[in-house]
N, C-alpha and C. Protein backbone atom coordinates (compact mmCIF):
# COMPACT_ATOMS: atom_id res chain seq x y z
N MET A 1 0.82 -1.17 0.00
CA MET A 1 0.00 0.00 0.00
C MET A 1 0.88 1.25 0.00
N PRO A 2 1.10 1.90 -1.16
CA PRO A 2 1.88 3.13 -1.19
C PRO A 2 1.19 4.26 -0.44
N THR A 3 1.99 5.02 0.29
CA THR A 3 1.50 6.17 1.04
C THR A 3 2.24 7.40 0.54
N VAL A 4 1.49 8.44 0.17
CA VAL A 4 2.08 9.66 -0.36
C VAL A 4 1.57 10.85 0.46
N PHE A 5 2.50 11.64 0.99
CA PHE A 5 2.15 12.85 1.73
C PHE A 5 2.01 14.00 0.74
N LYS A 6 0.92 14.77 0.86
CA LYS A 6 0.65 15.84 -0.10
C LYS A 6 0.11 17.08 0.61
N ASN A 7 0.18 18.20 -0.11
CA ASN A 7 -0.44 19.45 0.29
C ASN A 7 -1.28 19.96 -0.86
N ALA A 8 -2.38 20.59 -0.56
CA ALA A 8 -3.18 21.31 -1.55
C ALA A 8 -3.24 22.76 -1.09
N VAL A 9 -2.91 23.68 -2.00
CA VAL A 9 -2.93 25.11 -1.70
C VAL A 9 -3.89 25.78 -2.68
N ILE A 10 -4.87 26.47 -2.15
CA ILE A 10 -5.88 27.12 -2.96
C ILE A 10 -5.98 28.57 -2.49
N ASN A 11 -5.86 29.50 -3.43
CA ASN A 11 -5.91 30.92 -3.12
C ASN A 11 -7.25 31.53 -3.49
N ASN A 12 -7.61 32.58 -2.78
CA ASN A 12 -8.74 33.45 -3.13
C ASN A 12 -10.10 32.76 -3.19
N VAL A 13 -10.38 31.89 -2.23
CA VAL A 13 -11.71 31.30 -2.14
C VAL A 13 -12.68 32.41 -1.73
N GLY A 14 -13.85 32.42 -2.36
CA GLY A 14 -14.84 33.45 -2.08
C GLY A 14 -16.23 32.89 -1.92
N THR A 15 -17.21 33.61 -2.47
CA THR A 15 -18.61 33.27 -2.25
C THR A 15 -19.09 32.09 -3.09
N GLU A 16 -18.37 31.73 -4.13
CA GLU A 16 -18.70 30.53 -4.90
C GLU A 16 -18.00 29.34 -4.25
N PRO A 17 -18.71 28.27 -3.90
CA PRO A 17 -18.07 27.10 -3.29
C PRO A 17 -16.98 26.53 -4.21
N VAL A 18 -15.84 26.18 -3.61
CA VAL A 18 -14.70 25.65 -4.35
C VAL A 18 -14.37 24.26 -3.83
N ASP A 19 -14.27 23.29 -4.74
CA ASP A 19 -13.81 21.96 -4.36
C ASP A 19 -12.30 22.02 -4.20
N VAL A 20 -11.84 22.07 -2.96
CA VAL A 20 -10.42 22.27 -2.68
C VAL A 20 -9.64 20.97 -2.62
N LEU A 21 -10.34 19.85 -2.48
CA LEU A 21 -9.67 18.55 -2.45
C LEU A 21 -10.63 17.51 -3.00
N GLN A 22 -10.19 16.76 -3.99
CA GLN A 22 -10.98 15.68 -4.59
C GLN A 22 -10.12 14.43 -4.61
N ILE A 23 -10.56 13.37 -3.96
CA ILE A 23 -9.79 12.14 -3.88
C ILE A 23 -10.07 11.31 -5.13
N PRO A 24 -9.00 10.88 -5.82
CA PRO A 24 -9.20 10.10 -7.05
C PRO A 24 -9.76 8.70 -6.78
N GLU A 25 -10.29 8.10 -7.83
CA GLU A 25 -10.77 6.72 -7.78
C GLU A 25 -9.61 5.80 -7.41
N GLY A 26 -9.87 4.81 -6.57
CA GLY A 26 -8.85 3.84 -6.19
C GLY A 26 -7.90 4.30 -5.11
N VAL A 27 -8.17 5.45 -4.53
CA VAL A 27 -7.30 6.04 -3.50
C VAL A 27 -8.20 6.45 -2.33
N ARG A 28 -7.65 6.40 -1.14
CA ARG A 28 -8.32 7.01 0.01
C ARG A 28 -7.33 7.96 0.64
N ALA A 29 -7.82 8.87 1.46
CA ALA A 29 -6.94 9.89 2.02
C ALA A 29 -7.31 10.18 3.46
N THR A 30 -6.30 10.63 4.19
CA THR A 30 -6.49 11.11 5.55
C THR A 30 -6.01 12.55 5.60
N VAL A 31 -6.93 13.47 5.89
CA VAL A 31 -6.57 14.88 6.05
C VAL A 31 -6.03 15.05 7.46
N VAL A 32 -4.80 15.58 7.56
CA VAL A 32 -4.16 15.76 8.86
C VAL A 32 -4.05 17.23 9.27
N GLY A 33 -4.38 18.13 8.34
CA GLY A 33 -4.36 19.55 8.65
C GLY A 33 -5.13 20.34 7.63
N CYS A 34 -5.85 21.36 8.10
CA CYS A 34 -6.57 22.26 7.20
C CYS A 34 -6.55 23.64 7.83
N ASN A 35 -5.87 24.57 7.15
CA ASN A 35 -5.73 25.93 7.64
C ASN A 35 -6.44 26.89 6.69
N LEU A 36 -7.24 27.80 7.24
CA LEU A 36 -7.96 28.80 6.47
C LEU A 36 -7.44 30.17 6.88
N ALA A 37 -6.89 30.93 5.93
CA ALA A 37 -6.31 32.23 6.23
C ALA A 37 -7.15 33.34 5.60
N ASN A 38 -7.57 34.29 6.41
CA ASN A 38 -8.29 35.46 5.92
C ASN A 38 -7.26 36.42 5.32
N THR A 39 -7.36 36.69 4.03
CA THR A 39 -6.39 37.55 3.35
C THR A 39 -6.82 39.02 3.37
N SER A 40 -7.98 39.31 3.96
CA SER A 40 -8.45 40.69 4.06
C SER A 40 -7.73 41.42 5.19
N ASP A 41 -7.45 42.69 4.98
CA ASP A 41 -6.81 43.49 6.02
C ASP A 41 -7.82 44.13 6.97
N TYR A 42 -9.12 44.14 6.58
CA TYR A 42 -10.09 44.91 7.36
C TYR A 42 -11.36 44.16 7.75
N ASP A 43 -11.72 43.10 7.04
CA ASP A 43 -13.01 42.46 7.25
C ASP A 43 -12.88 41.08 7.88
N THR A 44 -13.73 40.79 8.86
CA THR A 44 -13.88 39.42 9.35
C THR A 44 -14.68 38.65 8.30
N VAL A 45 -14.21 37.45 7.96
CA VAL A 45 -14.93 36.61 7.00
C VAL A 45 -15.54 35.42 7.74
N VAL A 46 -16.59 34.87 7.17
CA VAL A 46 -17.25 33.70 7.74
C VAL A 46 -17.13 32.58 6.71
N VAL A 47 -16.60 31.43 7.16
CA VAL A 47 -16.27 30.34 6.24
C VAL A 47 -17.05 29.07 6.60
N ASN A 48 -17.45 28.35 5.56
CA ASN A 48 -18.07 27.03 5.70
C ASN A 48 -17.18 26.01 5.02
N VAL A 49 -17.02 24.85 5.67
CA VAL A 49 -16.28 23.73 5.09
C VAL A 49 -17.23 22.55 5.03
N TYR A 50 -17.32 21.94 3.85
CA TYR A 50 -18.21 20.81 3.63
C TYR A 50 -17.41 19.57 3.26
N VAL A 51 -17.89 18.42 3.67
CA VAL A 51 -17.36 17.15 3.20
C VAL A 51 -18.33 16.64 2.14
N ILE A 52 -17.78 16.22 1.01
CA ILE A 52 -18.57 15.61 -0.05
C ILE A 52 -18.21 14.12 -0.03
N ASP A 53 -19.20 13.26 0.23
CA ASP A 53 -18.88 11.84 0.33
C ASP A 53 -18.83 11.18 -1.05
N GLU A 54 -18.54 9.89 -1.06
CA GLU A 54 -18.37 9.15 -2.32
C GLU A 54 -19.65 9.09 -3.14
N ASN A 55 -20.80 9.46 -2.55
CA ASN A 55 -22.08 9.49 -3.26
C ASN A 55 -22.50 10.91 -3.64
N SER A 56 -21.57 11.86 -3.52
CA SER A 56 -21.80 13.28 -3.83
C SER A 56 -22.76 13.97 -2.86
N THR A 57 -22.94 13.40 -1.67
CA THR A 57 -23.75 14.04 -0.64
C THR A 57 -22.89 15.04 0.12
N GLN A 58 -23.39 16.26 0.26
CA GLN A 58 -22.65 17.32 0.95
C GLN A 58 -23.12 17.45 2.39
N GLY A 59 -22.17 17.48 3.33
CA GLY A 59 -22.48 17.68 4.74
C GLY A 59 -21.58 18.74 5.34
N ASN A 60 -22.06 19.45 6.33
CA ASN A 60 -21.25 20.47 7.01
C ASN A 60 -20.16 19.81 7.84
N TYR A 61 -18.93 20.24 7.66
CA TYR A 61 -17.84 19.82 8.54
C TYR A 61 -17.64 20.88 9.61
N VAL A 62 -17.48 22.12 9.20
CA VAL A 62 -17.54 23.27 10.12
C VAL A 62 -18.40 24.32 9.45
N ARG A 63 -19.15 25.03 10.27
CA ARG A 63 -20.13 25.96 9.72
C ARG A 63 -19.99 27.33 10.38
N SER A 64 -19.99 28.36 9.54
CA SER A 64 -20.00 29.75 9.99
C SER A 64 -18.84 30.07 10.93
N VAL A 65 -17.63 29.70 10.50
CA VAL A 65 -16.43 29.98 11.30
C VAL A 65 -15.98 31.41 11.02
N PRO A 66 -16.03 32.30 12.02
CA PRO A 66 -15.55 33.67 11.80
C PRO A 66 -14.02 33.71 11.88
N ILE A 67 -13.41 34.37 10.91
CA ILE A 67 -11.95 34.52 10.91
C ILE A 67 -11.65 36.02 10.83
N PRO A 68 -11.04 36.58 11.88
CA PRO A 68 -10.73 38.01 11.88
C PRO A 68 -9.74 38.39 10.78
N PRO A 69 -9.67 39.68 10.44
CA PRO A 69 -8.75 40.11 9.39
C PRO A 69 -7.31 39.71 9.68
N ALA A 70 -6.60 39.32 8.62
CA ALA A 70 -5.18 39.00 8.69
C ALA A 70 -4.86 37.91 9.72
N SER A 71 -5.78 36.95 9.90
CA SER A 71 -5.53 35.83 10.81
C SER A 71 -6.02 34.55 10.16
N SER A 72 -5.93 33.45 10.91
CA SER A 72 -6.31 32.16 10.33
C SER A 72 -7.02 31.29 11.35
N ALA A 73 -7.63 30.21 10.82
CA ALA A 73 -8.29 29.22 11.67
C ALA A 73 -7.88 27.84 11.20
N LYS A 74 -7.57 26.99 12.14
CA LYS A 74 -7.25 25.59 11.84
C LYS A 74 -8.50 24.77 12.12
N VAL A 75 -8.97 24.04 11.09
CA VAL A 75 -10.20 23.27 11.28
C VAL A 75 -9.94 21.77 11.38
N VAL A 76 -8.74 21.32 11.06
CA VAL A 76 -8.29 19.94 11.31
C VAL A 76 -6.92 20.09 11.95
N THR A 77 -6.81 19.72 13.23
CA THR A 77 -5.56 19.98 13.94
C THR A 77 -5.46 19.12 15.20
N GLN A 78 -4.34 19.17 15.83
CA GLN A 78 -4.08 18.55 17.14
C GLN A 78 -4.50 17.09 17.21
N GLY A 79 -4.06 16.30 16.25
CA GLY A 79 -4.31 14.87 16.29
C GLY A 79 -5.62 14.44 15.66
N GLU A 80 -6.49 15.39 15.33
CA GLU A 80 -7.74 15.05 14.65
C GLU A 80 -7.41 14.57 13.24
N ARG A 81 -8.18 13.65 12.72
CA ARG A 81 -8.00 13.13 11.36
C ARG A 81 -9.36 13.10 10.68
N LEU A 82 -9.35 13.40 9.40
CA LEU A 82 -10.56 13.32 8.59
C LEU A 82 -10.30 12.31 7.49
N ILE A 83 -11.02 11.20 7.52
CA ILE A 83 -10.83 10.10 6.56
C ILE A 83 -11.76 10.32 5.37
N LEU A 84 -11.19 10.30 4.17
CA LEU A 84 -11.97 10.48 2.95
C LEU A 84 -11.77 9.29 2.03
N PRO A 85 -12.85 8.61 1.65
CA PRO A 85 -12.74 7.49 0.71
C PRO A 85 -12.57 7.99 -0.72
N ALA A 86 -12.35 7.07 -1.64
CA ALA A 86 -12.21 7.42 -3.06
C ALA A 86 -13.42 8.23 -3.51
N THR A 87 -13.18 9.22 -4.33
CA THR A 87 -14.14 10.15 -4.94
C THR A 87 -14.80 11.11 -3.96
N ALA A 88 -14.40 11.11 -2.70
CA ALA A 88 -14.90 12.08 -1.73
C ALA A 88 -14.05 13.35 -1.83
N GLY A 89 -14.42 14.39 -1.08
CA GLY A 89 -13.63 15.61 -1.14
C GLY A 89 -14.06 16.64 -0.12
N LEU A 90 -13.41 17.81 -0.21
CA LEU A 90 -13.71 18.96 0.64
C LEU A 90 -14.09 20.14 -0.24
N ARG A 91 -15.09 20.90 0.22
CA ARG A 91 -15.57 22.09 -0.49
C ARG A 91 -15.60 23.23 0.53
N ILE A 92 -15.16 24.41 0.10
CA ILE A 92 -15.09 25.55 1.02
C ILE A 92 -15.69 26.78 0.35
N GLU A 93 -16.36 27.61 1.17
CA GLU A 93 -16.88 28.89 0.70
C GLU A 93 -16.76 29.93 1.80
N SER A 94 -16.68 31.18 1.40
CA SER A 94 -16.59 32.31 2.32
C SER A 94 -17.76 33.26 2.04
N ASP A 95 -18.04 34.15 2.95
CA ASP A 95 -19.09 35.13 2.71
C ASP A 95 -18.58 36.39 2.01
N THR A 96 -17.27 36.40 1.69
CA THR A 96 -16.64 37.56 1.07
C THR A 96 -15.83 37.11 -0.14
N GLU A 97 -15.93 37.86 -1.24
CA GLU A 97 -15.21 37.52 -2.47
C GLU A 97 -13.70 37.46 -2.24
N ASP A 98 -13.05 36.45 -2.83
CA ASP A 98 -11.58 36.33 -2.88
C ASP A 98 -10.92 36.64 -1.54
N SER A 99 -11.36 35.98 -0.47
CA SER A 99 -10.94 36.39 0.87
C SER A 99 -10.19 35.35 1.68
N VAL A 100 -10.12 34.10 1.19
CA VAL A 100 -9.54 33.03 2.01
C VAL A 100 -8.54 32.21 1.20
N ASP A 101 -7.37 31.99 1.79
CA ASP A 101 -6.40 31.03 1.26
C ASP A 101 -6.49 29.76 2.10
N VAL A 102 -6.40 28.61 1.44
CA VAL A 102 -6.58 27.32 2.10
C VAL A 102 -5.33 26.48 1.90
N VAL A 103 -4.85 25.86 2.97
CA VAL A 103 -3.75 24.90 2.89
C VAL A 103 -4.22 23.62 3.57
N ILE A 104 -4.19 22.52 2.80
CA ILE A 104 -4.62 21.22 3.32
C ILE A 104 -3.44 20.27 3.25
N SER A 105 -3.15 19.61 4.35
CA SER A 105 -2.13 18.54 4.38
C SER A 105 -2.85 17.22 4.51
N TYR A 106 -2.47 16.27 3.65
CA TYR A 106 -3.16 14.99 3.67
C TYR A 106 -2.24 13.87 3.21
N VAL A 107 -2.66 12.64 3.48
CA VAL A 107 -1.93 11.45 3.12
C VAL A 107 -2.81 10.64 2.18
N GLU A 108 -2.30 10.33 0.99
CA GLU A 108 -3.03 9.46 0.07
C GLU A 108 -2.54 8.04 0.25
N ILE A 109 -3.48 7.10 0.29
CA ILE A 109 -3.15 5.68 0.42
C ILE A 109 -3.81 4.96 -0.73
N SER A 110 -3.00 4.25 -1.53
CA SER A 110 -3.57 3.52 -2.67
C SER A 110 -3.21 2.07 -2.61
């Protein structure tokens, strides 16, 4: 079973939901870190993170997380793990245009 450590970096997430991580067919993944950074200098943004399962069902992972200007929030941290099967993924949206940078650390297992 090959194991590959990866990062996904997505800039300028805004009001349109963005699929920030999509697990390929035949692979499963463990998310070990997810950091959301507010790139605005003046506005608090509110962020939603959704898990999309292998059947394309969307569920809230974290909802309405306020992030003050020029700061960040960790939504997967301190030993927490998020297991994603093949074809599952993460989707993120903000209440403000082009306001959030996302960094996800994960392990792919095939």
